[in-house]
């Protein structure tokens, strides 16, 4: 009877583990960004009262490809530069991967902060007479006036 010994596998390096974590965290961050970019708001037009409203402005936000590209850019750049810096005395691969990860998480935090700010901004702007406020990303707006026939 012959036995075969299992082939010795190469020891997994810290870089491999960190790169795998970078991929998973990037995917999680992209998912969280998609959630933070899907919002809608319908502030009432100025002059609205509890009894009567002249209408509302409907804002619909959808995920914007610019944030996805920026996030993937940080992840890919962190990985590629990390590979190039393997074994370096300063700014080694682990530090570069950590910076790439910081960029990915930073963009996700920025998306969520912008979501909160823009959501509040459109309500404030419409209440103060600006029916087309400046927004960042893929945000569409429409004005709804009940009973209005063009």
C-alpha atoms as a PDB file:
ATOM      1  CA  UNK A   1       0.000   0.000   0.000  1.00  0.00           C
ATOM      2  CA  UNK A   2       1.400   3.343  -0.958  1.00  0.00           C
ATOM      3  CA  UNK A   3       0.643   6.595   0.704  1.00  0.00           C
ATOM      4  CA  UNK A   4       1.000   9.929  -0.843  1.00  0.00           C
ATOM      5  CA  UNK A   5       2.080  12.780   1.256  1.00  0.00           C
ATOM      6  CA  UNK A   6       0.149  15.979   0.909  1.00  0.00           C
ATOM      7  CA  UNK A   7       1.990  18.565  -1.071  1.00  0.00           C
ATOM      8  CA  UNK A   8       3.313  21.292   1.152  1.00  0.00           C
ATOM      9  CA  UNK A   9       1.469  24.493   0.510  1.00  0.00           C
ATOM     10  CA  UNK A  10       3.241  27.776   0.570  1.00  0.00           C
ATOM     11  CA  UNK A  11       2.729  29.689   3.746  1.00  0.00           C
ATOM     12  CA  UNK A  12       0.173  32.452   3.304  1.00  0.00           C
ATOM     13  CA  UNK A  13       1.800  35.814   3.746  1.00  0.00           C
ATOM     14  CA  UNK A  14       0.425  38.782   5.567  1.00  0.00           C
ATOM     15  CA  UNK A  15       0.242  40.563   2.206  1.00  0.00           C
ATOM     16  CA  UNK A  16      -2.037  37.851   0.778  1.00  0.00           C
ATOM     17  CA  UNK A  17      -4.287  38.009   3.812  1.00  0.00           C
ATOM     18  CA  UNK A  18      -4.415  41.809   3.682  1.00  0.00           C
ATOM     19  CA  UNK A  19      -5.115  41.791  -0.063  1.00  0.00           C
ATOM     20  CA  UNK A  20      -8.016  39.392   0.485  1.00  0.00           C
ATOM     21  CA  UNK A  21      -9.358  41.668   3.229  1.00  0.00           C
ATOM     22  CA  UNK A  22      -9.027  44.646   0.873  1.00  0.00           C
ATOM     23  CA  UNK A  23     -11.190  42.879  -1.715  1.00  0.00           C
ATOM     24  CA  UNK A  24     -13.909  41.965   0.798  1.00  0.00           C
ATOM     25  CA  UNK A  25     -13.963  45.364   2.457  1.00  0.00           C
ATOM     26  CA  UNK A  26     -14.116  47.036  -0.967  1.00  0.00           C
ATOM     27  CA  UNK A  27     -17.142  44.920  -1.904  1.00  0.00           C
ATOM     28  CA  UNK A  28     -18.847  45.725   1.405  1.00  0.00           C
ATOM     29  CA  UNK A  29     -18.104  49.434   0.940  1.00  0.00           C
ATOM     30  CA  UNK A  30     -19.533  49.392  -2.595  1.00  0.00           C
ATOM     31  CA  UNK A  31     -22.703  47.792  -1.222  1.00  0.00           C
ATOM     32  CA  UNK A  32     -22.949  50.417   1.524  1.00  0.00           C
ATOM     33  CA  UNK A  33     -22.400  53.165  -1.046  1.00  0.00           C
ATOM     34  CA  UNK A  34     -25.265  51.823  -3.160  1.00  0.00           C
ATOM     35  CA  UNK A  35     -27.517  52.018  -0.105  1.00  0.00           C
ATOM     36  CA  UNK A  36     -26.361  55.546   0.715  1.00  0.00           C
ATOM     37  CA  UNK A  37     -26.919  56.754  -2.843  1.00  0.00           C
ATOM     38  CA  UNK A  38     -30.514  55.502  -3.161  1.00  0.00           C
ATOM     39  CA  UNK A  39     -32.646  58.159  -1.572  1.00  0.00           C
ATOM     40  CA  UNK A  40     -35.673  60.228  -2.386  1.00  0.00           C
ATOM     41  CA  UNK A  41     -37.164  63.378  -0.917  1.00  0.00           C
ATOM     42  CA  UNK A  42     -40.370  65.262  -1.610  1.00  0.00           C
ATOM     43  CA  UNK A  43     -40.271  68.680   0.093  1.00  0.00           C
ATOM     44  CA  UNK A  44     -43.406  70.804  -0.239  1.00  0.00           C
ATOM     45  CA  UNK A  45     -43.279  73.971  -2.296  1.00  0.00           C
ATOM     46  CA  UNK A  46     -42.933  77.280  -0.434  1.00  0.00           C
ATOM     47  CA  UNK A  47     -46.219  78.644   0.833  1.00  0.00           C
ATOM     48  CA  UNK A  48     -47.606  75.248   1.817  1.00  0.00           C
ATOM     49  CA  UNK A  49     -49.877  75.055   4.815  1.00  0.00           C
ATOM     50  CA  UNK A  50     -51.379  72.058   6.597  1.00  0.00           C
ATOM     51  CA  UNK A  51     -54.681  72.751   4.815  1.00  0.00           C
ATOM     52  CA  UNK A  52     -53.406  73.379   1.281  1.00  0.00           C
ATOM     53  CA  UNK A  53     -50.251  72.699  -0.677  1.00  0.00           C
ATOM     54  CA  UNK A  54     -49.372  74.091  -4.101  1.00  0.00           C
ATOM     55  CA  UNK A  55     -47.304  70.953  -4.759  1.00  0.00           C
ATOM     56  CA  UNK A  56     -43.928  69.413  -4.080  1.00  0.00           C
ATOM     57  CA  UNK A  57     -40.552  68.838  -5.647  1.00  0.00           C
ATOM     58  CA  UNK A  58     -39.610  65.181  -5.992  1.00  0.00           C
ATOM     59  CA  UNK A  59     -35.886  64.285  -5.812  1.00  0.00           C
ATOM     60  CA  UNK A  60     -34.689  60.790  -6.751  1.00  0.00           C
ATOM     61  CA  UNK A  61     -31.059  59.785  -6.287  1.00  0.00           C
ATOM     62  CA  UNK A  62     -29.499  56.696  -7.840  1.00  0.00           C
ATOM     63  CA  UNK A  63     -25.988  55.240  -7.554  1.00  0.00           C
ATOM     64  CA  UNK A  64     -23.417  57.271  -9.443  1.00  0.00           C
ATOM     65  CA  UNK A  65     -20.653  55.524 -11.376  1.00  0.00           C
ATOM     66  CA  UNK A  66     -18.135  58.190 -10.329  1.00  0.00           C
ATOM     67  CA  UNK A  67     -18.075  56.940  -6.718  1.00  0.00           C
ATOM     68  CA  UNK A  68     -17.669  53.343  -7.878  1.00  0.00           C
ATOM     69  CA  UNK A  69     -14.737  54.263 -10.123  1.00  0.00           C
ATOM     70  CA  UNK A  70     -13.070  56.278  -7.347  1.00  0.00           C
ATOM     71  CA  UNK A  71     -13.506  53.439  -4.847  1.00  0.00           C
ATOM     72  CA  UNK A  72     -12.160  50.802  -7.218  1.00  0.00           C
ATOM     73  CA  UNK A  73      -9.321  53.165  -8.141  1.00  0.00           C
ATOM     74  CA  UNK A  74      -8.195  53.372  -4.505  1.00  0.00           C
ATOM     75  CA  UNK A  75      -8.427  49.594  -4.110  1.00  0.00           C
ATOM     76  CA  UNK A  76      -6.550  48.770  -7.325  1.00  0.00           C
ATOM     77  CA  UNK A  77      -3.916  51.451  -6.762  1.00  0.00           C
ATOM     78  CA  UNK A  78      -3.352  50.204  -3.206  1.00  0.00           C
ATOM     79  CA  UNK A  79      -2.910  46.646  -4.432  1.00  0.00           C
ATOM     80  CA  UNK A  80      -0.690  47.462  -7.420  1.00  0.00           C
ATOM     81  CA  UNK A  81       1.563  49.808  -5.481  1.00  0.00           C
ATOM     82  CA  UNK A  82       1.604  47.295  -2.622  1.00  0.00           C
ATOM     83  CA  UNK A  83       2.883  44.611  -4.986  1.00  0.00           C
ATOM     84  CA  UNK A  84       5.529  47.014  -6.276  1.00  0.00           C
ATOM     85  CA  UNK A  85       6.627  47.903  -2.729  1.00  0.00           C
ATOM     86  CA  UNK A  86       7.043  44.318  -1.455  1.00  0.00           C
ATOM     87  CA  UNK A  87      10.040  44.087   0.780  1.00  0.00           C
ATOM     88  CA  UNK A  88      10.680  47.833   0.865  1.00  0.00           C
ATOM     89  CA  UNK A  89      12.195  49.216   4.034  1.00  0.00           C
ATOM     90  CA  UNK A  90       9.888  52.220   4.064  1.00  0.00           C
ATOM     91  CA  UNK A  91       6.338  52.367   2.788  1.00  0.00           C
ATOM     92  CA  UNK A  92       6.155  48.598   2.563  1.00  0.00           C
ATOM     93  CA  UNK A  93       3.281  46.636   1.049  1.00  0.00           C
ATOM     94  CA  UNK A  94       1.278  46.485   4.280  1.00  0.00           C
ATOM     95  CA  UNK A  95       1.298  50.244   4.741  1.00  0.00           C
ATOM     96  CA  UNK A  96       0.351  50.832   1.101  1.00  0.00           C
ATOM     97  CA  UNK A  97      -2.527  48.341   1.337  1.00  0.00           C
ATOM     98  CA  UNK A  98      -3.686  50.097   4.503  1.00  0.00           C
ATOM     99  CA  UNK A  99      -3.656  53.430   2.638  1.00  0.00           C
ATOM    100  CA  UNK A 100      -5.674  51.896  -0.204  1.00  0.00           C
ATOM    101  CA  UNK A 101      -8.141  50.565   2.341  1.00  0.00           C
ATOM    102  CA  UNK A 102      -8.323  53.987   3.992  1.00  0.00           C
ATOM    103  CA  UNK A 103      -9.174  55.492   0.595  1.00  0.00           C
ATOM    104  CA  UNK A 104     -11.959  52.947   0.037  1.00  0.00           C
ATOM    105  CA  UNK A 105     -13.461  53.505   3.485  1.00  0.00           C
ATOM    106  CA  UNK A 106     -12.987  57.275   3.148  1.00  0.00           C
ATOM    107  CA  UNK A 107     -14.968  57.393  -0.093  1.00  0.00           C
ATOM    108  CA  UNK A 108     -17.748  55.363   1.558  1.00  0.00           C
ATOM    109  CA  UNK A 109     -17.875  57.748   4.506  1.00  0.00           C
ATOM    110  CA  UNK A 110     -17.930  60.691   2.068  1.00  0.00           C
ATOM    111  CA  UNK A 111     -20.861  59.158   0.181  1.00  0.00           C
ATOM    112  CA  UNK A 112     -22.843  58.785   3.413  1.00  0.00           C
ATOM    113  CA  UNK A 113     -21.999  62.291   4.621  1.00  0.00           C
ATOM    114  CA  UNK A 114     -23.061  63.687   1.229  1.00  0.00           C
ATOM    115  CA  UNK A 115     -26.278  61.673   1.425  1.00  0.00           C
ATOM    116  CA  UNK A 116     -27.193  63.240   4.762  1.00  0.00           C
ATOM    117  CA  UNK A 117     -26.118  66.748   3.716  1.00  0.00           C
ATOM    118  CA  UNK A 118     -27.883  66.630   0.333  1.00  0.00           C
ATOM    119  CA  UNK A 119     -31.061  65.198   1.843  1.00  0.00           C
ATOM    120  CA  UNK A 120     -31.249  68.068   4.319  1.00  0.00           C
ATOM    121  CA  UNK A 121     -30.069  70.576   1.693  1.00  0.00           C
ATOM    122  CA  UNK A 122     -32.903  69.862  -0.768  1.00  0.00           C
ATOM    123  CA  UNK A 123     -35.515  70.378   1.960  1.00  0.00           C
ATOM    124  CA  UNK A 124     -33.879  73.614   3.079  1.00  0.00           C
ATOM    125  CA  UNK A 125     -33.379  74.910  -0.483  1.00  0.00           C
ATOM    126  CA  UNK A 126     -36.958  74.214  -1.578  1.00  0.00           C
ATOM    127  CA  UNK A 127     -38.326  75.807   1.605  1.00  0.00           C
ATOM    128  CA  UNK A 128     -36.323  78.933   0.705  1.00  0.00           C
ATOM    129  CA  UNK A 129     -37.520  79.111  -2.921  1.00  0.00           C
ATOM    130  CA  UNK A 130     -34.740  77.281  -4.793  1.00  0.00           C
ATOM    131  CA  UNK A 131     -36.571  74.552  -6.736  1.00  0.00           C
ATOM    132  CA  UNK A 132     -33.427  73.258  -8.465  1.00  0.00           C
ATOM    133  CA  UNK A 133     -30.698  73.090  -5.791  1.00  0.00           C
ATOM    134  CA  UNK A 134     -27.199  71.900  -6.626  1.00  0.00           C
ATOM    135  CA  UNK A 135     -26.692  68.179  -5.904  1.00  0.00           C
ATOM    136  CA  UNK A 136     -23.788  65.802  -6.439  1.00  0.00           C
ATOM    137  CA  UNK A 137     -24.252  62.487  -8.197  1.00  0.00           C
ATOM    138  CA  UNK A 138     -27.162  61.101 -10.186  1.00  0.00           C
ATOM    139  CA  UNK A 139     -30.090  63.080  -8.728  1.00  0.00           C
ATOM    140  CA  UNK A 140     -33.172  63.870 -10.783  1.00  0.00           C
ATOM    141  CA  UNK A 141     -35.936  66.236  -9.783  1.00  0.00           C
ATOM    142  CA  UNK A 142     -39.490  66.925 -10.869  1.00  0.00           C
ATOM    143  CA  UNK A 143     -42.080  69.415  -9.716  1.00  0.00           C
ATOM    144  CA  UNK A 144     -45.508  68.037  -8.930  1.00  0.00           C
ATOM    145  CA  UNK A 145     -48.444  70.431  -8.739  1.00  0.00           C
ATOM    146  CA  UNK A 146     -51.845  68.900  -8.063  1.00  0.00           C
ATOM    147  CA  UNK A 147     -54.513  69.961 -10.542  1.00  0.00           C
ATOM    148  CA  UNK A 148     -52.020  71.722 -12.841  1.00  0.00           C
ATOM    149  CA  UNK A 149     -52.578  70.953 -16.527  1.00  0.00           C
ATOM    150  CA  UNK A 150     -49.997  72.449 -18.934  1.00  0.00           C
END
